[in-house]
Amino acid sequence: MFLIKIQNYNTLLRNFGIDVINSVIKELLQILSNQLNPTDTIFHTYENEFAIVSDRREEVLEHLIDSFQSQIASNSIFVNGVGFHLVYSY
């Protein structure tokens, strides 16, 4: 299992509104789901946090996380003409 947390969720919500934030989250989850197996599960645990549960070995999950990090680092998510560059940190 690993967690993904959106650090500045409240600031983003205040500045852009819930519809834009939901669209960003939807795009983020789409990028992530492209890396997952059908047996992996994503849970929306809190408003700004997601858990990914998998029965795969730790080494495989580390590769998944690295691949996900590369994808979000090299792409911005655009919603309503506003670009969001995502930064990944441990």
Protein backbone atom coordinates (compact mmCIF):
# COMPACT_ATOMS: atom_id res chain seq x y z
CA MET A 1 0.00 0.00 0.00
CA PHE A 2 1.11 3.55 -0.62
CA LEU A 3 -0.48 6.96 -0.07
CA ILE A 4 -0.78 9.99 -2.30
CA LYS A 5 -1.53 13.27 -0.59
CA ILE A 6 -2.27 16.64 -2.19
CA GLN A 7 -0.26 19.04 -0.02
CA ASN A 8 -1.87 22.40 -0.81
CA TYR A 9 -5.42 21.15 -1.14
CA ASN A 10 -7.08 23.92 0.91
CA THR A 11 -5.20 26.68 -0.90
CA LEU A 12 -6.06 25.18 -4.27
CA LEU A 13 -9.68 24.78 -3.22
CA ARG A 14 -9.88 28.40 -2.06
CA ASN A 15 -8.21 29.78 -5.21
CA PHE A 16 -9.74 27.57 -7.90
CA GLY A 17 -12.89 25.99 -6.47
CA ILE A 18 -14.06 22.43 -6.02
CA ASP A 19 -14.92 21.79 -9.69
CA VAL A 20 -11.38 22.57 -10.86
CA ILE A 21 -9.81 20.56 -8.03
CA ASN A 22 -12.04 17.58 -8.80
CA SER A 23 -10.99 17.78 -12.45
CA VAL A 24 -7.31 17.84 -11.47
CA ILE A 25 -7.82 14.86 -9.17
CA LYS A 26 -9.67 13.01 -11.93
CA GLU A 27 -6.74 13.55 -14.33
CA LEU A 28 -4.23 12.57 -11.65
CA LEU A 29 -6.11 9.35 -10.95
CA GLN A 30 -6.32 8.61 -14.67
CA ILE A 31 -2.52 8.88 -14.94
CA LEU A 32 -2.16 6.62 -11.93
CA SER A 33 -4.72 4.07 -13.10
CA ASN A 34 -2.76 3.61 -16.33
CA GLN A 35 0.02 2.17 -14.16
CA LEU A 36 -2.17 -0.13 -12.07
CA ASN A 37 -3.26 -3.71 -12.52
CA PRO A 38 -6.97 -4.62 -12.40
CA THR A 39 -6.32 -6.18 -8.98
CA ASP A 40 -4.96 -2.91 -7.54
CA THR A 41 -7.44 -0.66 -5.79
CA ILE A 42 -7.51 3.11 -5.23
CA PHE A 43 -9.32 4.40 -2.13
CA HIS A 44 -10.21 8.06 -1.59
CA THR A 45 -9.37 8.13 2.12
CA TYR A 46 -9.61 11.87 2.84
CA GLU A 47 -10.45 14.91 0.73
CA ASN A 48 -6.78 15.29 -0.15
CA GLU A 49 -5.47 11.74 0.20
CA PHE A 50 -5.63 8.48 -1.74
CA ALA A 51 -4.45 5.00 -0.82
CA ILE A 52 -3.39 2.45 -3.40
CA VAL A 53 -3.66 -1.13 -2.22
CA SER A 54 -1.93 -3.88 -4.14
CA ASP A 55 -0.87 -7.46 -3.55
CA ARG A 56 2.23 -6.98 -5.71
CA ARG A 57 5.76 -7.26 -4.34
CA GLU A 58 7.37 -4.16 -2.86
CA GLU A 59 9.93 -3.95 -5.69
CA VAL A 60 7.15 -3.85 -8.26
CA LEU A 61 5.34 -1.11 -6.33
CA GLU A 62 8.54 0.92 -6.12
CA HIS A 63 8.86 0.69 -9.90
CA LEU A 64 5.21 1.76 -10.21
CA ILE A 65 5.80 4.78 -7.97
CA ASP A 66 8.92 5.77 -9.94
CA SER A 67 7.03 5.51 -13.22
CA PHE A 68 4.14 7.55 -11.82
CA GLN A 69 6.58 10.19 -10.57
CA SER A 70 8.16 10.45 -14.01
CA GLN A 71 4.80 10.88 -15.67
CA ILE A 72 3.56 13.64 -13.38
CA ALA A 73 6.92 15.44 -13.38
CA SER A 74 6.99 15.63 -17.16
CA ASN A 75 3.37 16.69 -17.67
CA SER A 76 1.08 19.44 -16.49
CA ILE A 77 -2.63 18.97 -16.02
CA PHE A 78 -4.73 21.64 -17.73
CA VAL A 79 -8.22 22.42 -16.47
CA ASN A 80 -10.25 25.36 -17.78
CA GLY A 81 -7.11 26.86 -19.32
CA VAL A 82 -5.12 26.71 -16.07
CA GLY A 83 -2.04 24.48 -15.94
CA PHE A 84 -1.19 22.57 -12.79
CA HIS A 85 2.35 21.24 -12.56
CA LEU A 86 2.49 18.40 -10.08
CA VAL A 87 5.48 17.85 -7.84
CA TYR A 88 6.16 14.48 -6.31
CA SER A 89 7.95 14.10 -2.99
CA TYR A 90 8.48 11.30 -0.52
